Protein backbone atom coordinates (compact mmCIF):
# COMPACT_ATOMS: atom_id res chain seq x y z
CA MET A 1 1.57 -18.80 10.70
CA PHE A 2 0.68 -16.70 7.69
CA TYR A 3 0.33 -12.91 7.80
CA LEU A 4 -1.05 -10.32 5.43
CA VAL A 5 1.35 -7.38 5.34
CA VAL A 6 -0.33 -4.19 4.03
CA VAL A 7 1.17 -0.81 3.19
CA VAL A 8 -0.89 2.18 2.08
CA LEU A 9 1.74 4.26 0.40
CA ASN A 10 1.36 8.02 0.02
CA ASP A 11 4.43 8.63 -2.16
CA VAL A 12 4.00 6.64 -5.37
CA ASP A 13 7.62 7.30 -6.27
CA ARG A 14 8.59 4.81 -3.48
CA LEU A 15 6.44 2.07 -4.98
CA GLU A 16 9.04 0.41 -7.16
CA PRO A 17 11.85 0.48 -4.55
CA LEU A 18 9.40 -0.95 -1.95
CA MET A 19 8.35 -3.80 -4.30
CA ASP A 20 11.97 -4.52 -5.15
CA GLY A 21 12.96 -4.49 -1.45
CA TRP A 22 10.13 -6.84 -0.50
CA THR A 23 10.94 -9.16 -3.33
CA GLU A 24 14.60 -9.32 -2.25
CA GLU A 25 13.48 -10.15 1.29
CA GLY A 26 11.45 -13.10 0.05
CA ALA A 27 7.91 -11.82 -0.45
CA HIS A 28 6.28 -13.31 -3.53
CA GLY A 29 2.95 -12.47 -5.12
CA ILE A 30 2.89 -8.80 -4.03
CA THR A 31 -0.39 -7.15 -5.11
CA VAL A 32 -0.66 -3.41 -5.79
CA LEU A 33 -3.93 -1.50 -5.89
CA HIS A 34 -4.70 2.14 -6.69
CA SER A 35 -6.34 3.74 -3.64
CA SER A 36 -7.50 7.04 -2.27
CA GLY A 37 -8.40 8.08 1.25
CA LEU A 38 -11.64 9.67 2.29
CA SER A 39 -9.96 12.83 3.50
CA GLN A 40 -8.28 13.22 0.09
CA LEU A 41 -11.65 12.90 -1.66
CA LYS A 42 -13.26 15.44 0.67
CA ASP A 43 -10.38 17.87 0.04
CA ALA A 44 -10.76 17.38 -3.67
CA LEU A 45 -14.39 18.51 -3.48
CA ARG A 46 -13.15 21.89 -2.23
CA ARG A 47 -10.84 22.45 -5.19
CA ASP A 48 -11.50 25.09 -7.84
CA ASP A 49 -10.73 22.76 -10.75
CA VAL A 50 -13.31 20.13 -9.89
CA PRO A 51 -16.57 20.14 -11.96
CA LEU A 52 -19.67 21.62 -10.30
CA PHE A 53 -21.25 18.18 -9.88
CA PRO A 54 -18.27 15.76 -9.78
CA SER A 55 -18.59 12.05 -10.02
CA LEU A 56 -16.34 9.72 -8.07
CA ARG A 57 -14.57 9.07 -11.36
CA ASP A 58 -13.87 12.81 -11.76
CA LEU A 59 -12.37 12.94 -8.31
CA LEU A 60 -10.22 9.84 -8.78
CA GLU A 61 -8.72 11.06 -11.99
CA HIS A 62 -6.69 13.71 -10.18
CA ASP A 63 -3.08 12.59 -9.90
CA ASP A 64 -2.65 13.97 -6.42
CA LEU A 65 -5.39 11.63 -5.08
CA HIS A 66 -3.55 8.43 -5.90
CA HIS A 67 -2.01 6.27 -3.28
CA ARG A 68 -0.91 2.69 -3.72
CA THR A 69 -1.85 -0.08 -1.47
CA LEU A 70 0.54 -3.03 -1.44
CA PHE A 71 -0.14 -6.34 0.18
CA ALA A 72 1.63 -9.65 0.45
CA LEU A 73 0.70 -12.87 2.15
CA VAL A 74 3.83 -14.25 3.88
CA GLU A 75 4.70 -16.96 6.29
CA GLY A 76 6.47 -16.42 9.60
CA ASP A 77 7.28 -13.65 12.03
CA ALA A 78 10.85 -13.33 10.78
CA LEU A 79 9.80 -12.46 7.24
CA VAL A 80 7.15 -10.04 8.53
CA ASP A 81 9.85 -8.28 10.63
CA ARG A 82 12.13 -7.99 7.54
CA LEU A 83 9.32 -6.56 5.39
CA ILE A 84 8.47 -4.00 7.98
CA ALA A 85 12.14 -2.99 8.36
CA THR A 86 12.49 -2.75 4.58
CA ALA A 87 9.37 -0.62 4.28
CA GLN A 88 10.57 1.72 7.03
CA ALA A 89 14.00 2.05 5.40
CA ILE A 90 12.41 3.00 2.10
CA VAL A 91 9.36 5.02 3.16
CA GLY A 92 10.55 6.43 6.46
CA ASP A 93 8.82 6.56 9.82
CA PHE A 94 5.18 5.68 9.31
CA ASP A 95 4.37 7.90 12.31
CA GLU A 96 5.43 10.92 10.31
CA ALA A 97 2.80 12.79 8.27
CA SER A 98 2.24 11.93 4.60
CA THR A 99 4.14 8.62 4.60
CA GLY A 100 1.32 6.10 4.74
CA ILE A 101 0.35 3.30 7.04
CA LEU A 102 1.58 -0.26 7.54
CA PHE A 103 -0.29 -3.04 9.30
CA THR A 104 -0.31 -6.79 9.52
CA VAL A 105 -3.17 -9.25 9.90
CA PRO A 106 -2.82 -12.88 10.97
CA VAL A 107 -4.32 -15.25 8.46
CA GLY A 108 -5.98 -18.41 9.71
CA ARG A 109 -6.11 -20.16 6.37
CA ALA A 110 -4.58 -19.56 2.95
CA LEU A 111 -5.11 -21.58 -0.19
CA GLY A 112 -3.28 -21.47 -3.53
CA LEU A 113 0.13 -20.54 -2.09
CA GLY A 114 1.79 -23.73 -3.24
CA ARG A 115 1.57 -22.64 -6.89
CA ARG A 116 4.67 -20.86 -8.14
CA PRO A 117 5.24 -19.84 -11.78
């Protein structure tokens, strides 16, 4: 069975080690997105250095609002377990504040995975 493994990473300094760790474990085609949480955006509205009428773009330009969301589509429970263990070793306990979140989603169908560069 295929799974989507997703990490929303609070500390962007851990991005490269996490990508390297997942790649070493056998994850291929890792995708990384810039992301921000709603609570971060609301907090940014209360800041003194935000324009009087900020746009979403104004808010997202602040460096402290950036998270990274990584996801990889992988096959098998064993690989999922290794990716979770690697993420915890690099990021720390996801139950601690300001680390991020990790979740998996079972994938019923996946196309285009047979192509490898």
